[in-house]
Amino acid sequence: MGNPSSARAIIVVASVALAWTLAACGAAPSPTNTPTLTPPPTWTLQPTYTPYPTYTPLPVPTDKPQSTASSASVLSPEEQAYVLKVEQLANAYSEAFAEIGRLATKASRDRALLADDHWQFMMGVPLTRLTENGKKVRALTPPPKMETTHDYFMKASRHFDSAAQIVTDAIDYMDPGRFGWAASELDLGEEDIVRVIAEINTLSGH
């Protein structure tokens, strides 16, 4: 295997950057308060991050026999195929996060955009990608050794689905304060992605 940490960077860096951007669009409300919040008078925009390069799983050496311990640390073709699908979905999430962050940044500068039909249409595209991505995650069948990995990926996708719904509600109700809730869901999803990569690292001997 290559360095799976690169796969983590693809989605983690993008999700953290988006969480910061959404948080900058409106403070996270307290559960005991009403959903509608007054946004802060100014927003500090966060820097734009460039996703790390993806990695390519290394082939299993066949020129010499491996010890039992070494063989146990190498992923099977089925497991490598699953990891590749995880990476592809991570890339898709990253692209959606980047677009949502770009549009949310524009709305943070001009709240009236929340009512703009063109802006709403443009935001709807990456939000739909998030929910479609979640469906693809749930459709994956993990190899037996990667069931725990998949459980964490499923949890992450549910948090990202929730973030997409909260952003949609923020637009429908003209309430940028809800962006803080979305940022919190992204943070939780990022924590599960970290666990996904930790599992993959362990199984691949890193």
N, C-alpha and C. Protein backbone atom coordinates (compact mmCIF):
# COMPACT_ATOMS: atom_id res chain seq x y z
N MET A 1 0.84 -1.19 0.00
CA MET A 1 0.00 0.00 0.00
C MET A 1 0.88 1.24 0.00
N GLY A 2 0.36 2.35 -0.59
CA GLY A 2 1.04 3.62 -0.50
C GLY A 2 0.74 4.24 0.84
N ASN A 3 0.74 5.55 0.90
CA ASN A 3 0.51 6.24 2.15
C ASN A 3 -0.95 6.61 2.28
N PRO A 4 -1.76 5.86 3.03
CA PRO A 4 -3.19 6.15 3.14
C PRO A 4 -3.47 7.49 3.79
N SER A 5 -2.47 8.10 4.43
CA SER A 5 -2.69 9.41 5.03
C SER A 5 -3.06 10.44 3.99
N SER A 6 -2.62 10.23 2.73
CA SER A 6 -3.00 11.15 1.67
C SER A 6 -4.50 11.13 1.44
N ALA A 7 -5.10 9.92 1.52
CA ALA A 7 -6.56 9.82 1.35
C ALA A 7 -7.27 10.57 2.45
N ARG A 8 -6.73 10.47 3.66
CA ARG A 8 -7.33 11.21 4.78
C ARG A 8 -7.28 12.70 4.50
N ALA A 9 -6.15 13.17 3.95
CA ALA A 9 -6.01 14.60 3.72
C ALA A 9 -7.03 15.11 2.73
N ILE A 10 -7.35 14.29 1.73
CA ILE A 10 -8.30 14.71 0.70
C ILE A 10 -9.60 15.19 1.31
N ILE A 11 -10.15 14.37 2.21
CA ILE A 11 -11.46 14.69 2.75
C ILE A 11 -11.38 15.49 4.04
N VAL A 12 -10.35 15.22 4.87
CA VAL A 12 -10.26 15.91 6.15
C VAL A 12 -9.95 17.38 5.95
N VAL A 13 -8.96 17.69 5.10
CA VAL A 13 -8.61 19.09 4.87
C VAL A 13 -9.79 19.83 4.27
N ALA A 14 -10.48 19.19 3.32
CA ALA A 14 -11.62 19.85 2.69
C ALA A 14 -12.76 20.04 3.68
N SER A 15 -13.05 19.04 4.50
CA SER A 15 -14.16 19.16 5.43
C SER A 15 -13.87 20.18 6.53
N VAL A 16 -12.61 20.23 7.00
CA VAL A 16 -12.26 21.22 8.02
C VAL A 16 -12.35 22.62 7.44
N ALA A 17 -11.84 22.81 6.21
CA ALA A 17 -11.90 24.13 5.58
C ALA A 17 -13.35 24.57 5.42
N LEU A 18 -14.23 23.63 5.00
CA LEU A 18 -15.64 23.96 4.84
C LEU A 18 -16.28 24.24 6.18
N ALA A 19 -15.94 23.46 7.19
CA ALA A 19 -16.50 23.71 8.52
C ALA A 19 -16.15 25.10 9.01
N TRP A 20 -14.89 25.50 8.79
CA TRP A 20 -14.50 26.85 9.19
C TRP A 20 -15.30 27.90 8.42
N THR A 21 -15.47 27.67 7.12
CA THR A 21 -16.20 28.63 6.30
C THR A 21 -17.65 28.75 6.76
N LEU A 22 -18.30 27.59 7.00
CA LEU A 22 -19.68 27.61 7.45
C LEU A 22 -19.80 28.25 8.83
N ALA A 23 -18.85 27.94 9.70
CA ALA A 23 -18.88 28.54 11.03
C ALA A 23 -18.72 30.05 10.93
N ALA A 24 -17.94 30.50 9.94
CA ALA A 24 -17.76 31.92 9.76
C ALA A 24 -19.01 32.60 9.24
N CYS A 25 -19.89 31.81 8.60
CA CYS A 25 -21.13 32.37 8.07
C CYS A 25 -22.18 32.59 9.16
N GLY A 26 -22.04 31.92 10.28
CA GLY A 26 -23.00 32.09 11.36
C GLY A 26 -22.61 31.26 12.55
N ALA A 27 -22.73 31.82 13.73
CA ALA A 27 -22.34 31.10 14.94
C ALA A 27 -23.26 29.94 15.19
N ALA A 28 -22.72 28.82 15.74
CA ALA A 28 -23.54 27.65 16.05
C ALA A 28 -24.50 27.98 17.17
N PRO A 29 -25.82 27.74 17.00
CA PRO A 29 -26.79 28.07 18.04
C PRO A 29 -26.78 27.08 19.18
N SER A 30 -27.18 27.53 20.33
CA SER A 30 -27.32 26.65 21.49
C SER A 30 -28.58 25.83 21.33
N PRO A 31 -28.57 24.55 21.73
CA PRO A 31 -29.75 23.70 21.59
C PRO A 31 -30.96 24.25 22.34
N THR A 32 -30.72 25.07 23.34
CA THR A 32 -31.83 25.56 24.13
C THR A 32 -32.41 26.85 23.57
N ASN A 33 -31.75 27.42 22.55
CA ASN A 33 -32.23 28.66 21.96
C ASN A 33 -33.07 28.38 20.74
N THR A 34 -33.71 29.40 20.22
CA THR A 34 -34.49 29.26 19.00
C THR A 34 -33.53 29.08 17.84
N PRO A 35 -33.96 28.40 16.77
CA PRO A 35 -33.05 28.11 15.67
C PRO A 35 -32.52 29.35 14.98
N THR A 36 -33.32 30.44 14.90
CA THR A 36 -32.92 31.62 14.17
C THR A 36 -31.97 32.45 15.00
N LEU A 37 -30.80 32.72 14.45
CA LEU A 37 -29.80 33.50 15.16
C LEU A 37 -29.41 34.70 14.33
N THR A 38 -28.93 35.72 14.97
CA THR A 38 -28.42 36.89 14.28
C THR A 38 -26.97 36.65 13.94
N PRO A 39 -26.59 36.74 12.67
CA PRO A 39 -25.19 36.48 12.32
C PRO A 39 -24.28 37.57 12.85
N PRO A 40 -23.01 37.27 13.08
CA PRO A 40 -22.10 38.29 13.55
C PRO A 40 -21.95 39.38 12.52
N PRO A 41 -21.58 40.59 12.91
CA PRO A 41 -21.52 41.72 11.97
C PRO A 41 -20.48 41.53 10.89
N THR A 42 -19.38 40.85 11.19
CA THR A 42 -18.36 40.60 10.19
C THR A 42 -17.93 39.15 10.27
N TRP A 43 -17.41 38.66 9.17
CA TRP A 43 -16.93 37.28 9.13
C TRP A 43 -15.46 37.27 8.75
N THR A 44 -14.70 36.40 9.38
CA THR A 44 -13.30 36.20 9.02
C THR A 44 -13.22 34.98 8.11
N LEU A 45 -12.91 35.20 6.87
CA LEU A 45 -12.89 34.11 5.91
C LEU A 45 -11.63 33.28 6.11
N GLN A 46 -11.78 31.98 6.00
CA GLN A 46 -10.67 31.07 6.21
C GLN A 46 -9.91 30.83 4.92
N PRO A 47 -8.63 30.43 5.00
CA PRO A 47 -7.84 30.20 3.78
C PRO A 47 -8.36 29.01 2.99
N THR A 48 -8.10 29.03 1.71
CA THR A 48 -8.47 27.93 0.83
C THR A 48 -7.35 26.89 0.82
N TYR A 49 -7.73 25.64 0.95
CA TYR A 49 -6.74 24.57 1.00
C TYR A 49 -6.75 23.78 -0.30
N THR A 50 -5.59 23.32 -0.68
CA THR A 50 -5.46 22.46 -1.86
C THR A 50 -5.40 21.02 -1.39
N PRO A 51 -6.33 20.16 -1.87
CA PRO A 51 -6.30 18.76 -1.44
C PRO A 51 -4.96 18.11 -1.73
N TYR A 52 -4.54 17.24 -0.84
CA TYR A 52 -3.29 16.53 -1.04
C TYR A 52 -3.42 15.56 -2.22
N PRO A 53 -2.32 15.17 -2.84
CA PRO A 53 -2.42 14.20 -3.95
C PRO A 53 -2.91 12.85 -3.46
N THR A 54 -3.59 12.15 -4.34
CA THR A 54 -4.09 10.83 -4.00
C THR A 54 -2.94 9.82 -4.05
N TYR A 55 -3.20 8.67 -3.50
CA TYR A 55 -2.17 7.64 -3.51
C TYR A 55 -2.64 6.46 -4.34
N THR A 56 -1.69 5.68 -4.83
CA THR A 56 -1.99 4.47 -5.60
C THR A 56 -1.50 3.27 -4.81
N PRO A 57 -2.40 2.32 -4.48
CA PRO A 57 -1.97 1.14 -3.74
C PRO A 57 -0.84 0.40 -4.47
N LEU A 58 0.16 0.01 -3.73
CA LEU A 58 1.28 -0.71 -4.32
C LEU A 58 0.92 -2.17 -4.56
N PRO A 59 1.43 -2.78 -5.63
CA PRO A 59 1.14 -4.20 -5.88
C PRO A 59 1.83 -5.08 -4.86
N VAL A 60 1.25 -6.23 -4.62
CA VAL A 60 1.86 -7.20 -3.70
C VAL A 60 3.05 -7.85 -4.39
N PRO A 61 4.24 -7.77 -3.80
CA PRO A 61 5.42 -8.39 -4.44
C PRO A 61 5.22 -9.89 -4.66
N THR A 62 5.66 -10.38 -5.82
CA THR A 62 5.51 -11.81 -6.13
C THR A 62 6.85 -12.47 -6.43
N ASP A 63 7.96 -11.67 -6.38
CA ASP A 63 9.24 -12.24 -6.77
C ASP A 63 9.89 -13.08 -5.69
N LYS A 64 9.41 -12.99 -4.46
CA LYS A 64 9.97 -13.82 -3.41
C LYS A 64 8.90 -14.12 -2.37
N PRO A 65 8.97 -15.27 -1.72
CA PRO A 65 7.96 -15.61 -0.72
C PRO A 65 8.00 -14.66 0.46
N GLN A 66 6.81 -14.43 1.07
CA GLN A 66 6.71 -13.55 2.20
C GLN A 66 6.49 -14.37 3.46
N SER A 67 6.91 -13.80 4.56
CA SER A 67 6.67 -14.46 5.84
C SER A 67 5.20 -14.34 6.17
N THR A 68 4.73 -15.13 7.13
CA THR A 68 3.34 -15.08 7.55
C THR A 68 2.98 -13.70 8.10
N ALA A 69 3.88 -13.12 8.89
CA ALA A 69 3.61 -11.80 9.48
C ALA A 69 3.49 -10.76 8.40
N SER A 70 4.37 -10.83 7.35
CA SER A 70 4.31 -9.85 6.27
C SER A 70 3.03 -10.00 5.47
N SER A 71 2.65 -11.24 5.17
CA SER A 71 1.44 -11.47 4.37
C SER A 71 0.21 -10.94 5.08
N ALA A 72 0.17 -11.04 6.40
CA ALA A 72 -1.00 -10.60 7.16
C ALA A 72 -1.18 -9.10 7.09
N SER A 73 -0.08 -8.36 6.80
CA SER A 73 -0.17 -6.90 6.79
C SER A 73 -0.51 -6.35 5.41
N VAL A 74 -0.59 -7.22 4.39
CA VAL A 74 -0.88 -6.78 3.03
C VAL A 74 -2.35 -6.99 2.73
N LEU A 75 -2.99 -5.98 2.15
CA LEU A 75 -4.41 -6.09 1.83
C LEU A 75 -4.60 -6.99 0.61
N SER A 76 -5.66 -7.76 0.63
CA SER A 76 -6.01 -8.61 -0.50
C SER A 76 -6.52 -7.74 -1.65
N PRO A 77 -6.59 -8.30 -2.86
CA PRO A 77 -7.14 -7.52 -3.98
C PRO A 77 -8.54 -6.98 -3.68
N GLU A 78 -9.38 -7.79 -3.02
CA GLU A 78 -10.73 -7.33 -2.67
C GLU A 78 -10.67 -6.15 -1.72
N GLU A 79 -9.76 -6.22 -0.76
CA GLU A 79 -9.63 -5.14 0.23
C GLU A 79 -9.04 -3.89 -0.41
N GLN A 80 -8.07 -4.06 -1.32
CA GLN A 80 -7.52 -2.92 -2.02
C GLN A 80 -8.59 -2.26 -2.89
N ALA A 81 -9.46 -3.05 -3.50
CA ALA A 81 -10.54 -2.50 -4.32
C ALA A 81 -11.48 -1.67 -3.47
N TYR A 82 -11.75 -2.15 -2.26
CA TYR A 82 -12.63 -1.40 -1.35
C TYR A 82 -11.97 -0.08 -0.95
N VAL A 83 -10.68 -0.13 -0.62
CA VAL A 83 -9.96 1.10 -0.24
C VAL A 83 -9.97 2.09 -1.41
N LEU A 84 -9.83 1.61 -2.63
CA LEU A 84 -9.87 2.49 -3.80
C LEU A 84 -11.23 3.18 -3.92
N LYS A 85 -12.31 2.45 -3.65
CA LYS A 85 -13.64 3.05 -3.69
C LYS A 85 -13.79 4.11 -2.61
N VAL A 86 -13.23 3.83 -1.43
CA VAL A 86 -13.27 4.82 -0.35
C VAL A 86 -12.55 6.09 -0.80
N GLU A 87 -11.40 5.92 -1.44
CA GLU A 87 -10.63 7.08 -1.91
C GLU A 87 -11.42 7.86 -2.95
N GLN A 88 -12.08 7.16 -3.87
CA GLN A 88 -12.87 7.84 -4.91
C GLN A 88 -14.01 8.63 -4.29
N LEU A 89 -14.68 8.04 -3.30
CA LEU A 89 -15.75 8.76 -2.63
C LEU A 89 -15.21 9.94 -1.84
N ALA A 90 -14.02 9.78 -1.27
CA ALA A 90 -13.39 10.88 -0.55
C ALA A 90 -13.12 12.05 -1.49
N ASN A 91 -12.67 11.73 -2.71
CA ASN A 91 -12.45 12.78 -3.71
C ASN A 91 -13.76 13.49 -4.05
N ALA A 92 -14.83 12.71 -4.21
CA ALA A 92 -16.13 13.31 -4.54
C ALA A 92 -16.62 14.20 -3.40
N TYR A 93 -16.44 13.75 -2.16
CA TYR A 93 -16.80 14.59 -1.02
C TYR A 93 -15.98 15.88 -1.03
N SER A 94 -14.69 15.75 -1.30
CA SER A 94 -13.80 16.91 -1.29
C SER A 94 -14.26 17.96 -2.30
N GLU A 95 -14.62 17.52 -3.49
CA GLU A 95 -15.07 18.45 -4.53
C GLU A 95 -16.36 19.16 -4.11
N ALA A 96 -17.28 18.41 -3.51
CA ALA A 96 -18.54 19.02 -3.05
C ALA A 96 -18.28 20.02 -1.93
N PHE A 97 -17.40 19.65 -0.99
CA PHE A 97 -17.07 20.56 0.11
C PHE A 97 -16.49 21.87 -0.43
N ALA A 98 -15.60 21.76 -1.41
CA ALA A 98 -14.95 22.95 -1.95
C ALA A 98 -15.98 23.89 -2.58
N GLU A 99 -16.93 23.33 -3.32
CA GLU A 99 -17.95 24.17 -3.98
C GLU A 99 -18.90 24.78 -2.96
N ILE A 100 -19.32 24.00 -1.97
CA ILE A 100 -20.19 24.54 -0.93
C ILE A 100 -19.48 25.66 -0.18
N GLY A 101 -18.19 25.44 0.12
CA GLY A 101 -17.42 26.46 0.82
C GLY A 101 -17.31 27.73 0.01
N ARG A 102 -17.10 27.61 -1.29
CA ARG A 102 -17.00 28.80 -2.15
C ARG A 102 -18.30 29.59 -2.14
N LEU A 103 -19.41 28.89 -2.28
CA LEU A 103 -20.71 29.57 -2.31
C LEU A 103 -21.09 30.13 -0.95
N ALA A 104 -20.77 29.39 0.12
CA ALA A 104 -21.06 29.88 1.46
C ALA A 104 -20.25 31.14 1.77
N THR A 105 -19.02 31.20 1.27
CA THR A 105 -18.19 32.39 1.47
C THR A 105 -18.83 33.60 0.81
N LYS A 106 -19.35 33.41 -0.41
CA LYS A 106 -20.03 34.51 -1.09
C LYS A 106 -21.25 34.97 -0.31
N ALA A 107 -22.01 34.00 0.25
CA ALA A 107 -23.20 34.35 1.02
C ALA A 107 -22.84 35.05 2.32
N SER A 108 -21.66 34.73 2.87
CA SER A 108 -21.24 35.38 4.11
C SER A 108 -20.98 36.86 3.87
N ARG A 109 -20.62 37.19 2.63
CA ARG A 109 -20.36 38.59 2.29
C ARG A 109 -21.64 39.31 1.91
N ASP A 110 -22.60 38.55 1.39
CA ASP A 110 -23.86 39.15 0.93
C ASP A 110 -25.01 38.21 1.28
N ARG A 111 -25.64 38.46 2.42
CA ARG A 111 -26.70 37.58 2.91
C ARG A 111 -27.87 37.48 1.94
N ALA A 112 -28.05 38.51 1.12
CA ALA A 112 -29.17 38.51 0.17
C ALA A 112 -29.06 37.37 -0.83
N LEU A 113 -27.87 36.82 -1.00
CA LEU A 113 -27.70 35.70 -1.93
C LEU A 113 -28.52 34.49 -1.52
N LEU A 114 -28.82 34.37 -0.23
CA LEU A 114 -29.62 33.23 0.22
C LEU A 114 -30.97 33.19 -0.46
N ALA A 115 -31.44 34.33 -0.95
CA ALA A 115 -32.74 34.40 -1.63
C ALA A 115 -32.58 34.47 -3.15
N ASP A 116 -31.34 34.41 -3.63
CA ASP A 116 -31.09 34.51 -5.06
C ASP A 116 -31.28 33.15 -5.73
N ASP A 117 -32.12 33.10 -6.75
CA ASP A 117 -32.45 31.83 -7.40
C ASP A 117 -31.22 31.16 -8.00
N HIS A 118 -30.36 31.94 -8.65
CA HIS A 118 -29.17 31.35 -9.27
C HIS A 118 -28.22 30.78 -8.21
N TRP A 119 -28.02 31.53 -7.13
CA TRP A 119 -27.14 31.06 -6.06
C TRP A 119 -27.71 29.79 -5.43
N GLN A 120 -29.03 29.76 -5.24
CA GLN A 120 -29.67 28.57 -4.66
C GLN A 120 -29.48 27.36 -5.57
N PHE A 121 -29.63 27.58 -6.89
CA PHE A 121 -29.45 26.47 -7.84
C PHE A 121 -28.02 25.96 -7.79
N MET A 122 -27.06 26.89 -7.78
CA MET A 122 -25.64 26.49 -7.75
C MET A 122 -25.31 25.75 -6.45
N MET A 123 -25.89 26.17 -5.34
CA MET A 123 -25.63 25.49 -4.07
C MET A 123 -26.30 24.12 -4.05
N GLY A 124 -27.42 24.00 -4.73
CA GLY A 124 -28.13 22.72 -4.75
C GLY A 124 -27.35 21.60 -5.40
N VAL A 125 -26.47 21.95 -6.35
CA VAL A 125 -25.70 20.93 -7.06
C VAL A 125 -24.75 20.17 -6.13
N PRO A 126 -23.86 20.86 -5.38
CA PRO A 126 -22.97 20.11 -4.48
C PRO A 126 -23.70 19.49 -3.30
N LEU A 127 -24.81 20.11 -2.86
CA LEU A 127 -25.58 19.50 -1.77
C LEU A 127 -26.16 18.17 -2.22
N THR A 128 -26.63 18.12 -3.46
CA THR A 128 -27.15 16.86 -4.01
C THR A 128 -26.03 15.83 -4.13
N ARG A 129 -24.83 16.29 -4.50
CA ARG A 129 -23.71 15.37 -4.60
C ARG A 129 -23.39 14.74 -3.24
N LEU A 130 -23.52 15.54 -2.18
CA LEU A 130 -23.26 15.00 -0.85
C LEU A 130 -24.22 13.86 -0.53
N THR A 131 -25.51 14.08 -0.77
CA THR A 131 -26.49 13.05 -0.46
C THR A 131 -26.33 11.83 -1.38
N GLU A 132 -25.99 12.07 -2.66
CA GLU A 132 -25.75 10.95 -3.57
C GLU A 132 -24.52 10.16 -3.14
N ASN A 133 -23.52 10.87 -2.65
CA ASN A 133 -22.33 10.20 -2.15
C ASN A 133 -22.68 9.28 -0.98
N GLY A 134 -23.55 9.79 -0.10
CA GLY A 134 -23.98 8.98 1.04
C GLY A 134 -24.63 7.69 0.60
N LYS A 135 -25.43 7.75 -0.46
CA LYS A 135 -26.08 6.54 -0.99
C LYS A 135 -25.03 5.55 -1.51
N LYS A 136 -23.99 6.08 -2.14
CA LYS A 136 -22.94 5.19 -2.67
C LYS A 136 -22.17 4.54 -1.52
N VAL A 137 -21.95 5.29 -0.44
CA VAL A 137 -21.27 4.71 0.72
C VAL A 137 -22.10 3.56 1.28
N ARG A 138 -23.40 3.78 1.40
CA ARG A 138 -24.28 2.75 1.96
C ARG A 138 -24.42 1.54 1.04
N ALA A 139 -24.14 1.74 -0.25
CA ALA A 139 -24.25 0.63 -1.20
C ALA A 139 -22.99 -0.23 -1.23
N LEU A 140 -21.91 0.24 -0.61
CA LEU A 140 -20.68 -0.54 -0.60
C LEU A 140 -20.84 -1.81 0.24
N THR A 141 -20.21 -2.87 -0.22
CA THR A 141 -20.15 -4.11 0.56
C THR A 141 -18.70 -4.32 0.97
N PRO A 142 -18.37 -4.08 2.23
CA PRO A 142 -16.97 -4.18 2.64
C PRO A 142 -16.51 -5.63 2.78
N PRO A 143 -15.24 -5.90 2.55
CA PRO A 143 -14.69 -7.22 2.85
C PRO A 143 -14.83 -7.48 4.36
N PRO A 144 -14.89 -8.73 4.77
CA PRO A 144 -15.08 -9.04 6.19
C PRO A 144 -14.10 -8.33 7.11
N LYS A 145 -12.84 -8.22 6.68
CA LYS A 145 -11.83 -7.62 7.53
C LYS A 145 -12.00 -6.11 7.66
N MET A 146 -12.87 -5.53 6.81
CA MET A 146 -13.02 -4.08 6.80
C MET A 146 -14.41 -3.63 7.24
N GLU A 147 -15.11 -4.48 7.96
CA GLU A 147 -16.45 -4.11 8.41
C GLU A 147 -16.41 -2.95 9.40
N THR A 148 -15.41 -2.93 10.29
CA THR A 148 -15.29 -1.82 11.24
C THR A 148 -14.96 -0.53 10.50
N THR A 149 -14.08 -0.63 9.52
CA THR A 149 -13.74 0.53 8.69
C THR A 149 -15.01 1.09 8.04
N HIS A 150 -15.81 0.19 7.51
CA HIS A 150 -17.03 0.61 6.81
C HIS A 150 -18.04 1.24 7.78
N ASP A 151 -18.12 0.71 8.99
CA ASP A 151 -19.02 1.29 9.99
C ASP A 151 -18.67 2.76 10.24
N TYR A 152 -17.38 3.05 10.35
CA TYR A 152 -16.95 4.43 10.57
C TYR A 152 -17.26 5.30 9.35
N PHE A 153 -17.07 4.72 8.15
CA PHE A 153 -17.36 5.48 6.92
C PHE A 153 -18.85 5.77 6.82
N MET A 154 -19.67 4.82 7.22
CA MET A 154 -21.12 5.02 7.24
C MET A 154 -21.50 6.15 8.19
N LYS A 155 -20.89 6.15 9.37
CA LYS A 155 -21.17 7.21 10.34
C LYS A 155 -20.77 8.57 9.78
N ALA A 156 -19.61 8.63 9.14
CA ALA A 156 -19.17 9.90 8.54
C ALA A 156 -20.16 10.37 7.50
N SER A 157 -20.64 9.45 6.65
CA SER A 157 -21.57 9.84 5.59
C SER A 157 -22.88 10.36 6.16
N ARG A 158 -23.32 9.79 7.29
CA ARG A 158 -24.55 10.29 7.91
C ARG A 158 -24.37 11.71 8.43
N HIS A 159 -23.20 12.00 8.98
CA HIS A 159 -22.95 13.37 9.43
C HIS A 159 -22.90 14.34 8.24
N PHE A 160 -22.31 13.90 7.13
CA PHE A 160 -22.25 14.75 5.95
C PHE A 160 -23.64 14.95 5.35
N ASP A 161 -24.47 13.89 5.38
CA ASP A 161 -25.86 14.02 4.94
C ASP A 161 -26.60 15.06 5.79
N SER A 162 -26.38 14.98 7.09
CA SER A 162 -27.02 15.91 8.02
C SER A 162 -26.57 17.34 7.74
N ALA A 163 -25.28 17.51 7.47
CA ALA A 163 -24.77 18.85 7.16
C ALA A 163 -25.44 19.41 5.91
N ALA A 164 -25.62 18.55 4.91
CA ALA A 164 -26.27 18.99 3.67
C ALA A 164 -27.70 19.44 3.93
N GLN A 165 -28.42 18.69 4.77
CA GLN A 165 -29.80 19.05 5.09
C GLN A 165 -29.87 20.36 5.88
N ILE A 166 -28.93 20.55 6.79
CA ILE A 166 -28.92 21.79 7.60
C ILE A 166 -28.64 23.00 6.72
N VAL A 167 -27.70 22.86 5.77
CA VAL A 167 -27.42 23.97 4.86
C VAL A 167 -28.67 24.28 4.02
N THR A 168 -29.36 23.22 3.57
CA THR A 168 -30.61 23.42 2.82
C THR A 168 -31.63 24.17 3.65
N ASP A 169 -31.77 23.80 4.92
CA ASP A 169 -32.71 24.49 5.81
C ASP A 169 -32.30 25.94 6.04
N ALA A 170 -30.99 26.18 6.14
CA ALA A 170 -30.51 27.55 6.33
C ALA A 170 -30.93 28.44 5.17
N ILE A 171 -30.90 27.86 3.96
CA ILE A 171 -31.32 28.61 2.77
C ILE A 171 -32.83 28.79 2.77
N ASP A 172 -33.58 27.72 3.05
CA ASP A 172 -35.04 27.79 3.03
C ASP A 172 -35.58 28.80 4.03
N TYR A 173 -34.94 28.86 5.20
CA TYR A 173 -35.42 29.74 6.26
C TYR A 173 -34.66 31.06 6.34
N MET A 174 -33.78 31.30 5.34
CA MET A 174 -32.97 32.52 5.34
C MET A 174 -32.28 32.72 6.67
N ASP A 175 -31.67 31.67 7.17
CA ASP A 175 -31.08 31.69 8.51
C ASP A 175 -29.64 31.19 8.46
N PRO A 176 -28.68 32.08 8.17
CA PRO A 176 -27.28 31.66 8.10
C PRO A 176 -26.72 31.18 9.43
N GLY A 177 -27.42 31.47 10.53
CA GLY A 177 -26.98 30.97 11.82
C GLY A 177 -26.93 29.45 11.87
N ARG A 178 -27.72 28.79 11.02
CA ARG A 178 -27.74 27.33 10.99
C ARG A 178 -26.46 26.75 10.39
N PHE A 179 -25.69 27.58 9.68
CA PHE A 179 -24.43 27.10 9.12
C PHE A 179 -23.52 26.58 10.23
N GLY A 180 -23.63 27.13 11.42
CA GLY A 180 -22.82 26.65 12.53
C GLY A 180 -23.15 25.22 12.87
N TRP A 181 -24.44 24.86 12.78
CA TRP A 181 -24.84 23.46 13.02
C TRP A 181 -24.19 22.56 11.97
N ALA A 182 -24.22 23.02 10.71
CA ALA A 182 -23.62 22.22 9.63
C ALA A 182 -22.14 22.01 9.89
N ALA A 183 -21.46 23.06 10.35
CA ALA A 183 -20.03 22.95 10.65
C ALA A 183 -19.79 21.90 11.73
N SER A 184 -20.67 21.84 12.72
CA SER A 184 -20.52 20.85 13.79
C SER A 184 -20.66 19.43 13.24
N GLU A 185 -21.61 19.23 12.32
CA GLU A 185 -21.78 17.91 11.72
C GLU A 185 -20.56 17.52 10.89
N LEU A 186 -19.99 18.49 10.20
CA LEU A 186 -18.79 18.21 9.42
C LEU A 186 -17.63 17.81 10.33
N ASP A 187 -17.53 18.47 11.47
CA ASP A 187 -16.48 18.12 12.43
C ASP A 187 -16.63 16.66 12.88
N LEU A 188 -17.87 16.26 13.17
CA LEU A 188 -18.11 14.89 13.61
C LEU A 188 -17.80 13.89 12.50
N GLY A 189 -18.17 14.24 11.27
CA GLY A 189 -17.86 13.37 10.15
C GLY A 189 -16.35 13.24 9.94
N GLU A 190 -15.63 14.36 10.13
CA GLU A 190 -14.18 14.34 9.99
C GLU A 190 -13.55 13.40 11.01
N GLU A 191 -14.09 13.37 12.24
CA GLU A 191 -13.56 12.48 13.27
C GLU A 191 -13.70 11.01 12.84
N ASP A 192 -14.83 10.69 12.21
CA ASP A 192 -15.03 9.31 11.75
C ASP A 192 -14.13 8.98 10.57
N ILE A 193 -13.86 9.96 9.71
CA ILE A 193 -12.94 9.72 8.60
C ILE A 193 -11.54 9.42 9.13
N VAL A 194 -11.13 10.13 10.18
CA VAL A 194 -9.84 9.86 10.80
C VAL A 194 -9.79 8.40 11.26
N ARG A 195 -10.89 7.91 11.83
CA ARG A 195 -10.95 6.52 12.29
C ARG A 195 -10.90 5.55 11.11
N VAL A 196 -11.55 5.92 9.99
CA VAL A 196 -11.50 5.08 8.80
C VAL A 196 -10.06 4.87 8.35
N ILE A 197 -9.31 5.96 8.26
CA ILE A 197 -7.94 5.87 7.79
C ILE A 197 -7.05 5.16 8.79
N ALA A 198 -7.31 5.35 10.07
CA ALA A 198 -6.54 4.64 11.09
C ALA A 198 -6.74 3.13 10.95
N GLU A 199 -7.97 2.71 10.68
CA GLU A 199 -8.26 1.29 10.47
C GLU A 199 -7.53 0.75 9.25
N ILE A 200 -7.56 1.54 8.16
CA ILE A 200 -6.89 1.10 6.94
C ILE A 200 -5.39 1.01 7.17
N ASN A 201 -4.84 1.98 7.86
CA ASN A 201 -3.40 1.94 8.16
C ASN A 201 -3.03 0.71 8.95
N THR A 202 -3.86 0.38 9.94
CA THR A 202 -3.59 -0.79 10.77
C THR A 202 -3.65 -2.07 9.94
N LEU A 203 -4.66 -2.20 9.12
CA LEU A 203 -4.84 -3.41 8.33
C LEU A 203 -3.77 -3.57 7.26
N SER A 204 -3.24 -2.44 6.78
CA SER A 204 -2.22 -2.51 5.72
C SER A 204 -0.80 -2.49 6.27
N GLY A 205 -0.68 -2.50 7.61
CA GLY A 205 0.64 -2.60 8.24
C GLY A 205 1.36 -1.29 8.38
N HIS A 206 0.68 -0.14 8.26
CA HIS A 206 1.33 1.16 8.40
C HIS A 206 1.23 1.65 9.85
